[in-house]
Amino acid sequence: MIIIIIVAALAAVSILLINQESSSSTERYIVITVNKELYKKIPFDDATMEKLVVQTDLGSNTIVIENGSVNVVDANCPDLVCVNTKPATQVGDMIVCLPHRLIIEITDR
């Protein structure tokens, strides 16, 4: 009985370590699209620091990438939903500015 418990515990620890290792090695990117077209794709990790202004005929958005997050800090759209959206930090997080047709997404591909 003790051997079964020890083997089960070792298996559980091994599975946790393998899952943690595979998730930490996944590359992340910030993908910015405007009007459904790729504007910029940026490799992204906790050390990435960049400030960029996306200026189009539809308007302007200022994006800041720092401390493992991406955030819209300024925009000239009427509702400012993108500015008031919490910073994106994980794969799958998105920030959207509908008036400017801007989408910022963190992805692993």
PDB file of N, CA and C in Angstrom:
ATOM      1  N   MET A   1       0.827  -1.195   0.000  1.00  0.00           N
ATOM      2  CA  MET A   1       0.000   0.000   0.000  1.00  0.00           C
ATOM      3  C   MET A   1       0.878   1.268   0.000  1.00  0.00           C
ATOM      4  N   ILE A   2       1.935   1.263   0.766  1.00  0.00           N
ATOM      5  CA  ILE A   2       2.836   2.418   0.838  1.00  0.00           C
ATOM      6  C   ILE A   2       3.508   2.638  -0.512  1.00  0.00           C
ATOM      7  N   ILE A   3       3.879   1.550  -1.181  1.00  0.00           N
ATOM      8  CA  ILE A   3       4.523   1.673  -2.489  1.00  0.00           C
ATOM      9  C   ILE A   3       3.561   2.301  -3.495  1.00  0.00           C
ATOM     10  N   ILE A   4       2.305   1.923  -3.478  1.00  0.00           N
ATOM     11  CA  ILE A   4       1.312   2.496  -4.386  1.00  0.00           C
ATOM     12  C   ILE A   4       1.151   3.989  -4.139  1.00  0.00           C
ATOM     13  N   ILE A   5       1.115   4.392  -2.889  1.00  0.00           N
ATOM     14  CA  ILE A   5       0.990   5.814  -2.542  1.00  0.00           C
ATOM     15  C   ILE A   5       2.211   6.589  -3.016  1.00  0.00           C
ATOM     16  N   ILE A   6       3.392   6.035  -2.821  1.00  0.00           N
ATOM     17  CA  ILE A   6       4.625   6.714  -3.237  1.00  0.00           C
ATOM     18  C   ILE A   6       4.662   6.858  -4.760  1.00  0.00           C
ATOM     19  N   VAL A   7       4.298   5.797  -5.490  1.00  0.00           N
ATOM     20  CA  VAL A   7       4.298   5.851  -6.946  1.00  0.00           C
ATOM     21  C   VAL A   7       3.272   6.870  -7.451  1.00  0.00           C
ATOM     22  N   ALA A   8       2.101   6.891  -6.846  1.00  0.00           N
ATOM     23  CA  ALA A   8       1.073   7.853  -7.247  1.00  0.00           C
ATOM     24  C   ALA A   8       1.538   9.284  -6.985  1.00  0.00           C
ATOM     25  N   ALA A   9       2.175   9.524  -5.855  1.00  0.00           N
ATOM     26  CA  ALA A   9       2.675  10.858  -5.528  1.00  0.00           C
ATOM     27  C   ALA A   9       3.763  11.287  -6.507  1.00  0.00           C
ATOM     28  N   LEU A  10       4.670  10.367  -6.844  1.00  0.00           N
ATOM     29  CA  LEU A  10       5.726  10.694  -7.804  1.00  0.00           C
ATOM     30  C   LEU A  10       5.141  10.985  -9.186  1.00  0.00           C
ATOM     31  N   ALA A  11       4.127  10.229  -9.579  1.00  0.00           N
ATOM     32  CA  ALA A  11       3.483  10.467 -10.868  1.00  0.00           C
ATOM     33  C   ALA A  11       2.817  11.840 -10.894  1.00  0.00           C
ATOM     34  N   ALA A  12       2.144  12.196  -9.825  1.00  0.00           N
ATOM     35  CA  ALA A  12       1.468  13.494  -9.757  1.00  0.00           C
ATOM     36  C   ALA A  12       2.479  14.632  -9.821  1.00  0.00           C
ATOM     37  N   VAL A  13       3.577  14.518  -9.100  1.00  0.00           N
ATOM     38  CA  VAL A  13       4.612  15.557  -9.116  1.00  0.00           C
ATOM     39  C   VAL A  13       5.232  15.659 -10.509  1.00  0.00           C
ATOM     40  N   SER A  14       5.478  14.524 -11.142  1.00  0.00           N
ATOM     41  CA  SER A  14       6.052  14.531 -12.495  1.00  0.00           C
ATOM     42  C   SER A  14       5.129  15.223 -13.487  1.00  0.00           C
ATOM     43  N   ILE A  15       3.851  14.933 -13.418  1.00  0.00           N
ATOM     44  CA  ILE A  15       2.880  15.569 -14.321  1.00  0.00           C
ATOM     45  C   ILE A  15       2.853  17.071 -14.093  1.00  0.00           C
ATOM     46  N   LEU A  16       2.859  17.511 -12.843  1.00  0.00           N
ATOM     47  CA  LEU A  16       2.862  18.950 -12.551  1.00  0.00           C
ATOM     48  C   LEU A  16       4.112  19.624 -13.098  1.00  0.00           C
ATOM     49  N   LEU A  17       5.270  18.994 -12.930  1.00  0.00           N
ATOM     50  CA  LEU A  17       6.513  19.585 -13.418  1.00  0.00           C
ATOM     51  C   LEU A  17       6.532  19.652 -14.939  1.00  0.00           C
ATOM     52  N   ILE A  18       6.054  18.630 -15.612  1.00  0.00           N
ATOM     53  CA  ILE A  18       6.022  18.634 -17.069  1.00  0.00           C
ATOM     54  C   ILE A  18       5.076  19.721 -17.574  1.00  0.00           C
ATOM     55  N   ASN A  19       3.900  19.848 -16.984  1.00  0.00           N
ATOM     56  CA  ASN A  19       2.952  20.889 -17.399  1.00  0.00           C
ATOM     57  C   ASN A  19       3.509  22.278 -17.163  1.00  0.00           C
ATOM     58  N   GLN A  20       4.178  22.485 -16.036  1.00  0.00           N
ATOM     59  CA  GLN A  20       4.746  23.795 -15.732  1.00  0.00           C
ATOM     60  C   GLN A  20       5.850  24.130 -16.717  1.00  0.00           C
ATOM     61  N   GLU A  21       6.694  23.170 -17.044  1.00  0.00           N
ATOM     62  CA  GLU A  21       7.794  23.404 -17.971  1.00  0.00           C
ATOM     63  C   GLU A  21       7.288  23.727 -19.363  1.00  0.00           C
ATOM     64  N   SER A  22       6.283  22.994 -19.837  1.00  0.00           N
ATOM     65  CA  SER A  22       5.782  23.243 -21.188  1.00  0.00           C
ATOM     66  C   SER A  22       5.062  24.579 -21.282  1.00  0.00           C
ATOM     67  N   SER A  23       4.353  25.003 -20.250  1.00  0.00           N
ATOM     68  CA  SER A  23       3.656  26.280 -20.309  1.00  0.00           C
ATOM     69  C   SER A  23       4.606  27.452 -20.181  1.00  0.00           C
ATOM     70  N   SER A  24       5.712  27.298 -19.475  1.00  0.00           N
ATOM     71  CA  SER A  24       6.645  28.409 -19.320  1.00  0.00           C
ATOM     72  C   SER A  24       7.521  28.590 -20.552  1.00  0.00           C
ATOM     73  N   SER A  25       7.657  27.543 -21.377  1.00  0.00           N
ATOM     74  CA  SER A  25       8.507  27.650 -22.553  1.00  0.00           C
ATOM     75  C   SER A  25       7.738  28.140 -23.778  1.00  0.00           C
ATOM     76  N   THR A  26       6.439  28.337 -23.653  1.00  0.00           N
ATOM     77  CA  THR A  26       5.640  28.781 -24.777  1.00  0.00           C
ATOM     78  C   THR A  26       5.965  30.228 -25.113  1.00  0.00           C
ATOM     79  N   GLU A  27       6.239  30.474 -26.378  1.00  0.00           N
ATOM     80  CA  GLU A  27       6.493  31.839 -26.813  1.00  0.00           C
ATOM     81  C   GLU A  27       5.175  32.597 -26.879  1.00  0.00           C
ATOM     82  N   ARG A  28       5.241  33.893 -26.568  1.00  0.00           N
ATOM     83  CA  ARG A  28       4.058  34.743 -26.639  1.00  0.00           C
ATOM     84  C   ARG A  28       4.341  35.910 -27.567  1.00  0.00           C
ATOM     85  N   TYR A  29       3.264  36.404 -28.181  1.00  0.00           N
ATOM     86  CA  TYR A  29       3.371  37.541 -29.086  1.00  0.00           C
ATOM     87  C   TYR A  29       2.218  38.502 -28.817  1.00  0.00           C
ATOM     88  N   ILE A  30       2.466  39.757 -29.090  1.00  0.00           N
ATOM     89  CA  ILE A  30       1.396  40.744 -29.124  1.00  0.00           C
ATOM     90  C   ILE A  30       1.096  40.967 -30.599  1.00  0.00           C
ATOM     91  N   VAL A  31      -0.134  40.691 -30.990  1.00  0.00           N
ATOM     92  CA  VAL A  31      -0.548  40.844 -32.382  1.00  0.00           C
ATOM     93  C   VAL A  31      -1.517  42.025 -32.445  1.00  0.00           C
ATOM     94  N   ILE A  32      -1.153  43.015 -33.236  1.00  0.00           N
ATOM     95  CA  ILE A  32      -1.976  44.214 -33.395  1.00  0.00           C
ATOM     96  C   ILE A  32      -2.531  44.195 -34.813  1.00  0.00           C
ATOM     97  N   THR A  33      -3.862  44.259 -34.911  1.00  0.00           N
ATOM     98  CA  THR A  33      -4.503  44.328 -36.218  1.00  0.00           C
ATOM     99  C   THR A  33      -5.354  45.592 -36.294  1.00  0.00           C
ATOM    100  N   VAL A  34      -5.399  46.157 -37.480  1.00  0.00           N
ATOM    101  CA  VAL A  34      -6.245  47.313 -37.752  1.00  0.00           C
ATOM    102  C   VAL A  34      -7.079  46.969 -38.979  1.00  0.00           C
ATOM    103  N   ASN A  35      -8.386  47.064 -38.822  1.00  0.00           N
ATOM    104  CA  ASN A  35      -9.310  46.773 -39.913  1.00  0.00           C
ATOM    105  C   ASN A  35      -9.064  45.373 -40.488  1.00  0.00           C
ATOM    106  N   LYS A  36      -8.836  44.408 -39.587  1.00  0.00           N
ATOM    107  CA  LYS A  36      -8.618  42.991 -39.899  1.00  0.00           C
ATOM    108  C   LYS A  36      -7.308  42.696 -40.617  1.00  0.00           C
ATOM    109  N   GLU A  37      -6.397  43.671 -40.684  1.00  0.00           N
ATOM    110  CA  GLU A  37      -5.096  43.464 -41.315  1.00  0.00           C
ATOM    111  C   GLU A  37      -4.001  43.587 -40.269  1.00  0.00           C
ATOM    112  N   LEU A  38      -3.002  42.710 -40.374  1.00  0.00           N
ATOM    113  CA  LEU A  38      -1.895  42.733 -39.421  1.00  0.00           C
ATOM    114  C   LEU A  38      -1.160  44.064 -39.497  1.00  0.00           C
ATOM    115  N   TYR A  39      -1.055  44.708 -38.350  1.00  0.00           N
ATOM    116  CA  TYR A  39      -0.314  45.964 -38.257  1.00  0.00           C
ATOM    117  C   TYR A  39       1.099  45.694 -37.748  1.00  0.00           C
ATOM    118  N   LYS A  40       1.177  44.875 -36.665  1.00  0.00           N
ATOM    119  CA  LYS A  40       2.486  44.561 -36.097  1.00  0.00           C
ATOM    120  C   LYS A  40       2.369  43.332 -35.208  1.00  0.00           C
ATOM    121  N   LYS A  41       3.413  42.500 -35.221  1.00  0.00           N
ATOM    122  CA  LYS A  41       3.505  41.331 -34.350  1.00  0.00           C
ATOM    123  C   LYS A  41       4.806  41.458 -33.566  1.00  0.00           C
ATOM    124  N   ILE A  42       4.681  41.468 -32.233  1.00  0.00           N
ATOM    125  CA  ILE A  42       5.823  41.750 -31.366  1.00  0.00           C
ATOM    126  C   ILE A  42       6.071  40.556 -30.449  1.00  0.00           C
ATOM    127  N   PRO A  43       7.278  39.976 -30.460  1.00  0.00           N
ATOM    128  CA  PRO A  43       7.593  38.956 -29.449  1.00  0.00           C
ATOM    129  C   PRO A  43       7.422  39.573 -28.068  1.00  0.00           C
ATOM    130  N   PHE A  44       6.859  38.804 -27.131  1.00  0.00           N
ATOM    131  CA  PHE A  44       6.432  39.379 -25.852  1.00  0.00           C
ATOM    132  C   PHE A  44       6.857  38.501 -24.686  1.00  0.00           C
ATOM    133  N   ASP A  45       7.549  39.121 -23.741  1.00  0.00           N
ATOM    134  CA  ASP A  45       7.839  38.485 -22.451  1.00  0.00           C
ATOM    135  C   ASP A  45       7.847  39.573 -21.388  1.00  0.00           C
ATOM    136  N   ASP A  46       8.188  39.212 -20.168  1.00  0.00           N
ATOM    137  CA  ASP A  46       8.126  40.182 -19.065  1.00  0.00           C
ATOM    138  C   ASP A  46       9.107  41.336 -19.225  1.00  0.00           C
ATOM    139  N   ALA A  47      10.133  41.163 -20.066  1.00  0.00           N
ATOM    140  CA  ALA A  47      11.132  42.217 -20.249  1.00  0.00           C
ATOM    141  C   ALA A  47      10.839  43.126 -21.440  1.00  0.00           C
ATOM    142  N   THR A  48       9.829  42.809 -22.235  1.00  0.00           N
ATOM    143  CA  THR A  48       9.511  43.609 -23.418  1.00  0.00           C
ATOM    144  C   THR A  48       9.053  45.005 -23.009  1.00  0.00           C
ATOM    145  N   MET A  49       9.684  46.007 -23.597  1.00  0.00           N
ATOM    146  CA  MET A  49       9.310  47.396 -23.333  1.00  0.00           C
ATOM    147  C   MET A  49       9.226  48.123 -24.664  1.00  0.00           C
ATOM    148  N   GLU A  50       8.070  48.666 -24.946  1.00  0.00           N
ATOM    149  CA  GLU A  50       7.885  49.405 -26.191  1.00  0.00           C
ATOM    150  C   GLU A  50       6.685  50.324 -26.053  1.00  0.00           C
ATOM    151  N   LYS A  51       6.781  51.460 -26.694  1.00  0.00           N
ATOM    152  CA  LYS A  51       5.651  52.391 -26.777  1.00  0.00           C
ATOM    153  C   LYS A  51       5.452  52.690 -28.253  1.00  0.00           C
ATOM    154  N   LEU A  52       4.224  52.517 -28.727  1.00  0.00           N
ATOM    155  CA  LEU A  52       3.970  52.816 -30.117  1.00  0.00           C
ATOM    156  C   LEU A  52       2.630  53.505 -30.281  1.00  0.00           C
ATOM    157  N   VAL A  53       2.555  54.317 -31.307  1.00  0.00           N
ATOM    158  CA  VAL A  53       1.325  55.022 -31.644  1.00  0.00           C
ATOM    159  C   VAL A  53       0.810  54.439 -32.952  1.00  0.00           C
ATOM    160  N   VAL A  54      -0.404  53.915 -32.909  1.00  0.00           N
ATOM    161  CA  VAL A  54      -1.050  53.392 -34.107  1.00  0.00           C
ATOM    162  C   VAL A  54      -1.925  54.512 -34.646  1.00  0.00           C
ATOM    163  N   GLN A  55      -1.492  55.077 -35.757  1.00  0.00           N
ATOM    164  CA  GLN A  55      -2.187  56.209 -36.370  1.00  0.00           C
ATOM    165  C   GLN A  55      -2.759  55.762 -37.703  1.00  0.00           C
ATOM    166  N   THR A  56      -4.076  55.825 -37.841  1.00  0.00           N
ATOM    167  CA  THR A  56      -4.738  55.466 -39.094  1.00  0.00           C
ATOM    168  C   THR A  56      -5.739  56.554 -39.458  1.00  0.00           C
ATOM    169  N   ASP A  57      -6.401  56.374 -40.580  1.00  0.00           N
ATOM    170  CA  ASP A  57      -7.447  57.324 -40.981  1.00  0.00           C
ATOM    171  C   ASP A  57      -8.605  57.332 -39.989  1.00  0.00           C
ATOM    172  N   LEU A  58      -8.756  56.235 -39.246  1.00  0.00           N
ATOM    173  CA  LEU A  58      -9.850  56.118 -38.286  1.00  0.00           C
ATOM    174  C   LEU A  58      -9.548  56.779 -36.950  1.00  0.00           C
ATOM    175  N   GLY A  59      -8.265  56.943 -36.616  1.00  0.00           N
ATOM    176  CA  GLY A  59      -7.897  57.569 -35.349  1.00  0.00           C
ATOM    177  C   GLY A  59      -6.544  57.119 -34.854  1.00  0.00           C
ATOM    178  N   SER A  60      -6.264  57.452 -33.596  1.00  0.00           N
ATOM    179  CA  SER A  60      -4.954  57.207 -33.007  1.00  0.00           C
ATOM    180  C   SER A  60      -5.085  56.503 -31.659  1.00  0.00           C
ATOM    181  N   ASN A  61      -4.210  55.510 -31.427  1.00  0.00           N
ATOM    182  CA  ASN A  61      -4.132  54.812 -30.147  1.00  0.00           C
ATOM    183  C   ASN A  61      -2.671  54.726 -29.731  1.00  0.00           C
ATOM    184  N   THR A  62      -2.386  55.045 -28.485  1.00  0.00           N
ATOM    185  CA  THR A  62      -1.043  54.908 -27.941  1.00  0.00           C
ATOM    186  C   THR A  62      -0.996  53.654 -27.087  1.00  0.00           C
ATOM    187  N   ILE A  63      -0.086  52.746 -27.428  1.00  0.00           N
ATOM    188  CA  ILE A  63       0.030  51.449 -26.773  1.00  0.00           C
ATOM    189  C   ILE A  63       1.361  51.389 -26.036  1.00  0.00           C
ATOM    190  N   VAL A  64       1.315  50.935 -24.776  1.00  0.00           N
ATOM    191  CA  VAL A  64       2.523  50.779 -23.981  1.00  0.00           C
ATOM    192  C   VAL A  64       2.651  49.311 -23.569  1.00  0.00           C
ATOM    193  N   ILE A  65       3.838  48.747 -23.823  1.00  0.00           N
ATOM    194  CA  ILE A  65       4.157  47.383 -23.427  1.00  0.00           C
ATOM    195  C   ILE A  65       5.270  47.476 -22.403  1.00  0.00           C
ATOM    196  N   GLU A  66       4.994  46.989 -21.189  1.00  0.00           N
ATOM    197  CA  GLU A  66       6.002  47.003 -20.132  1.00  0.00           C
ATOM    198  C   GLU A  66       5.547  46.114 -18.980  1.00  0.00           C
ATOM    199  N   ASN A  67       6.509  45.623 -18.209  1.00  0.00           N
ATOM    200  CA  ASN A  67       6.234  44.826 -17.015  1.00  0.00           C
ATOM    201  C   ASN A  67       5.301  43.643 -17.287  1.00  0.00           C
ATOM    202  N   GLY A  68       5.455  43.006 -18.441  1.00  0.00           N
ATOM    203  CA  GLY A  68       4.655  41.835 -18.754  1.00  0.00           C
ATOM    204  C   GLY A  68       3.212  42.111 -19.100  1.00  0.00           C
ATOM    205  N   SER A  69       2.918  43.333 -19.539  1.00  0.00           N
ATOM    206  CA  SER A  69       1.539  43.658 -19.913  1.00  0.00           C
ATOM    207  C   SER A  69       1.528  44.623 -21.089  1.00  0.00           C
ATOM    208  N   VAL A  70       0.377  44.689 -21.733  1.00  0.00           N
ATOM    209  CA  VAL A  70       0.161  45.643 -22.816  1.00  0.00           C
ATOM    210  C   VAL A  70      -1.102  46.429 -22.479  1.00  0.00           C
ATOM    211  N   ASN A  71      -1.054  47.735 -22.735  1.00  0.00           N
ATOM    212  CA  ASN A  71      -2.132  48.609 -22.320  1.00  0.00           C
ATOM    213  C   ASN A  71      -2.283  49.755 -23.334  1.00  0.00           C
ATOM    214  N   VAL A  72      -3.510  50.164 -23.600  1.00  0.00           N
ATOM    215  CA  VAL A  72      -3.755  51.373 -24.386  1.00  0.00           C
ATOM    216  C   VAL A  72      -3.845  52.519 -23.384  1.00  0.00           C
ATOM    217  N   VAL A  73      -2.930  53.460 -23.491  1.00  0.00           N
ATOM    218  CA  VAL A  73      -2.883  54.553 -22.514  1.00  0.00           C
ATOM    219  C   VAL A  73      -3.536  55.827 -23.022  1.00  0.00           C
ATOM    220  N   ASP A  74      -3.738  55.918 -24.345  1.00  0.00           N
ATOM    221  CA  ASP A  74      -4.372  57.118 -24.883  1.00  0.00           C
ATOM    222  C   ASP A  74      -5.014  56.771 -26.223  1.00  0.00           C
ATOM    223  N   ALA A  75      -6.137  57.390 -26.501  1.00  0.00           N
ATOM    224  CA  ALA A  75      -6.833  57.208 -27.780  1.00  0.00           C
ATOM    225  C   ALA A  75      -7.730  58.413 -28.017  1.00  0.00           C
ATOM    226  N   ASN A  76      -8.035  58.679 -29.279  1.00  0.00           N
ATOM    227  CA  ASN A  76      -8.936  59.797 -29.570  1.00  0.00           C
ATOM    228  C   ASN A  76     -10.314  59.312 -30.032  1.00  0.00           C
ATOM    229  N   CYS A  77     -10.693  58.101 -29.602  1.00  0.00           N
ATOM    230  CA  CYS A  77     -12.030  57.592 -29.893  1.00  0.00           C
ATOM    231  C   CYS A  77     -13.019  58.201 -28.890  1.00  0.00           C
ATOM    232  N   PRO A  78     -14.303  58.221 -29.236  1.00  0.00           N
ATOM    233  CA  PRO A  78     -15.272  58.911 -28.375  1.00  0.00           C
ATOM    234  C   PRO A  78     -15.571  58.209 -27.051  1.00  0.00           C
ATOM    235  N   ASP A  79     -15.501  56.872 -27.006  1.00  0.00           N
ATOM    236  CA  ASP A  79     -15.912  56.173 -25.782  1.00  0.00           C
ATOM    237  C   ASP A  79     -14.757  55.748 -24.870  1.00  0.00           C
ATOM    238  N   LEU A  80     -13.539  55.666 -25.370  1.00  0.00           N
ATOM    239  CA  LEU A  80     -12.332  55.315 -24.612  1.00  0.00           C
ATOM    240  C   LEU A  80     -12.434  53.958 -23.891  1.00  0.00           C
ATOM    241  N   VAL A  81     -13.209  53.041 -24.437  1.00  0.00           N
ATOM    242  CA  VAL A  81     -13.294  51.701 -23.845  1.00  0.00           C
ATOM    243  C   VAL A  81     -11.917  51.049 -23.832  1.00  0.00           C
ATOM    244  N   CYS A  82     -11.136  51.225 -24.899  1.00  0.00           N
ATOM    245  CA  CYS A  82      -9.810  50.616 -24.980  1.00  0.00           C
ATOM    246  C   CYS A  82      -8.877  51.146 -23.890  1.00  0.00           C
ATOM    247  N   VAL A  83      -8.984  52.414 -23.576  1.00  0.00           N
ATOM    248  CA  VAL A  83      -8.149  53.018 -22.533  1.00  0.00           C
ATOM    249  C   VAL A  83      -8.567  52.510 -21.156  1.00  0.00           C
ATOM    250  N   ASN A  84      -9.849  52.278 -20.973  1.00  0.00           N
ATOM    251  CA  ASN A  84     -10.363  51.833 -19.675  1.00  0.00           C
ATOM    252  C   ASN A  84     -10.350  50.314 -19.494  1.00  0.00           C
ATOM    253  N   THR A  85      -9.911  49.576 -20.509  1.00  0.00           N
ATOM    254  CA  THR A  85      -9.790  48.121 -20.402  1.00  0.00           C
ATOM    255  C   THR A  85      -8.541  47.792 -19.603  1.00  0.00           C
ATOM    256  N   LYS A  86      -8.642  46.783 -18.727  1.00  0.00           N
ATOM    257  CA  LYS A  86      -7.471  46.415 -17.925  1.00  0.00           C
ATOM    258  C   LYS A  86      -6.358  45.917 -18.834  1.00  0.00           C
ATOM    259  N   PRO A  87      -5.105  46.065 -18.422  1.00  0.00           N
ATOM    260  CA  PRO A  87      -3.985  45.628 -19.251  1.00  0.00           C
ATOM    261  C   PRO A  87      -4.070  44.133 -19.572  1.00  0.00           C
ATOM    262  N   ALA A  88      -3.642  43.774 -20.762  1.00  0.00           N
ATOM    263  CA  ALA A  88      -3.594  42.377 -21.178  1.00  0.00           C
ATOM    264  C   ALA A  88      -2.264  41.781 -20.728  1.00  0.00           C
ATOM    265  N   THR A  89      -2.312  40.577 -20.155  1.00  0.00           N
ATOM    266  CA  THR A  89      -1.100  39.954 -19.630  1.00  0.00           C
ATOM    267  C   THR A  89      -0.914  38.500 -20.051  1.00  0.00           C
ATOM    268  N   GLN A  90      -1.987  37.817 -20.440  1.00  0.00           N
ATOM    269  CA  GLN A  90      -1.917  36.382 -20.696  1.00  0.00           C
ATOM    270  C   GLN A  90      -2.391  36.058 -22.108  1.00  0.00           C
ATOM    271  N   VAL A  91      -1.967  34.888 -22.598  1.00  0.00           N
ATOM    272  CA  VAL A  91      -2.424  34.429 -23.896  1.00  0.00           C
ATOM    273  C   VAL A  91      -3.946  34.392 -23.901  1.00  0.00           C
ATOM    274  N   GLY A  92      -4.537  34.979 -24.916  1.00  0.00           N
ATOM    275  CA  GLY A  92      -5.991  35.046 -25.031  1.00  0.00           C
ATOM    276  C   GLY A  92      -6.569  36.385 -24.629  1.00  0.00           C
ATOM    277  N   ASP A  93      -5.829  37.184 -23.860  1.00  0.00           N
ATOM    278  CA  ASP A  93      -6.311  38.516 -23.478  1.00  0.00           C
ATOM    279  C   ASP A  93      -6.349  39.423 -24.709  1.00  0.00           C
ATOM    280  N   MET A  94      -7.362  40.284 -24.754  1.00  0.00           N
ATOM    281  CA  MET A  94      -7.520  41.204 -25.871  1.00  0.00           C
ATOM    282  C   MET A  94      -7.914  42.599 -25.383  1.00  0.00           C
ATOM    283  N   ILE A  95      -7.512  43.583 -26.149  1.00  0.00           N
ATOM    284  CA  ILE A  95      -7.982  44.956 -25.982  1.00  0.00           C
ATOM    285  C   ILE A  95      -8.504  45.382 -27.346  1.00  0.00           C
ATOM    286  N   VAL A  96      -9.717  45.927 -27.377  1.00  0.00           N
ATOM    287  CA  VAL A  96     -10.360  46.260 -28.643  1.00  0.00           C
ATOM    288  C   VAL A  96     -10.792  47.723 -28.633  1.00  0.00           C
ATOM    289  N   CYS A  97     -10.551  48.398 -29.745  1.00  0.00           N
ATOM    290  CA  CYS A  97     -11.072  49.748 -29.977  1.00  0.00           C
ATOM    291  C   CYS A  97     -11.947  49.652 -31.226  1.00  0.00           C
ATOM    292  N   LEU A  98     -13.246  49.530 -31.022  1.00  0.00           N
ATOM    293  CA  LEU A  98     -14.165  49.376 -32.153  1.00  0.00           C
ATOM    294  C   LEU A  98     -14.174  50.575 -33.096  1.00  0.00           C
ATOM    295  N   PRO A  99     -14.202  51.821 -32.577  1.00  0.00           N
ATOM    296  CA  PRO A  99     -14.236  52.951 -33.510  1.00  0.00           C
ATOM    297  C   PRO A  99     -13.020  52.998 -34.447  1.00  0.00           C
ATOM    298  N   HIS A 100     -11.868  52.530 -33.958  1.00  0.00           N
ATOM    299  CA  HIS A 100     -10.647  52.556 -34.770  1.00  0.00           C
ATOM    300  C   HIS A 100     -10.356  51.215 -35.424  1.00  0.00           C
ATOM    301  N   ARG A 101     -11.231  50.223 -35.186  1.00  0.00           N
ATOM    302  CA  ARG A 101     -11.073  48.871 -35.726  1.00  0.00           C
ATOM    303  C   ARG A 101      -9.714  48.277 -35.372  1.00  0.00           C
ATOM    304  N   LEU A 102      -9.307  48.505 -34.125  1.00  0.00           N
ATOM    305  CA  LEU A 102      -8.016  48.056 -33.608  1.00  0.00           C
ATOM    306  C   LEU A 102      -8.238  46.901 -32.652  1.00  0.00           C
ATOM    307  N   ILE A 103      -7.444  45.829 -32.819  1.00  0.00           N
ATOM    308  CA  ILE A 103      -7.472  44.707 -31.897  1.00  0.00           C
ATOM    309  C   ILE A 103      -6.040  44.418 -31.481  1.00  0.00           C
ATOM    310  N   ILE A 104      -5.830  44.321 -30.173  1.00  0.00           N
ATOM    311  CA  ILE A 104      -4.542  43.939 -29.609  1.00  0.00           C
ATOM    312  C   ILE A 104      -4.776  42.625 -28.879  1.00  0.00           C
ATOM    313  N   GLU A 105      -4.015  41.602 -29.245  1.00  0.00           N
ATOM    314  CA  GLU A 105      -4.216  40.282 -28.652  1.00  0.00           C
ATOM    315  C   GLU A 105      -2.880  39.668 -28.279  1.00  0.00           C
ATOM    316  N   ILE A 106      -2.858  39.000 -27.138  1.00  0.00           N
ATOM    317  CA  ILE A 106      -1.695  38.207 -26.762  1.00  0.00           C
ATOM    318  C   ILE A 106      -1.960  36.786 -27.244  1.00  0.00           C
ATOM    319  N   THR A 107      -1.009  36.258 -28.010  1.00  0.00           N
ATOM    320  CA  THR A 107      -1.179  34.931 -28.586  1.00  0.00           C
ATOM    321  C   THR A 107       0.117  34.125 -28.442  1.00  0.00           C
ATOM    322  N   ASP A 108       0.010  32.824 -28.651  1.00  0.00           N
ATOM    323  CA  ASP A 108       1.199  31.980 -28.584  1.00  0.00           C
ATOM    324  C   ASP A 108       1.643  31.529 -29.977  1.00  0.00           C
ATOM    325  N   ARG A 109       1.107  32.170 -31.001  1.00  0.00           N
ATOM    326  CA  ARG A 109       1.533  31.846 -32.367  1.00  0.00           C
ATOM    327  C   ARG A 109       1.594  33.066 -33.230  1.00  0.00           C
TER     328      ARG A 109
END
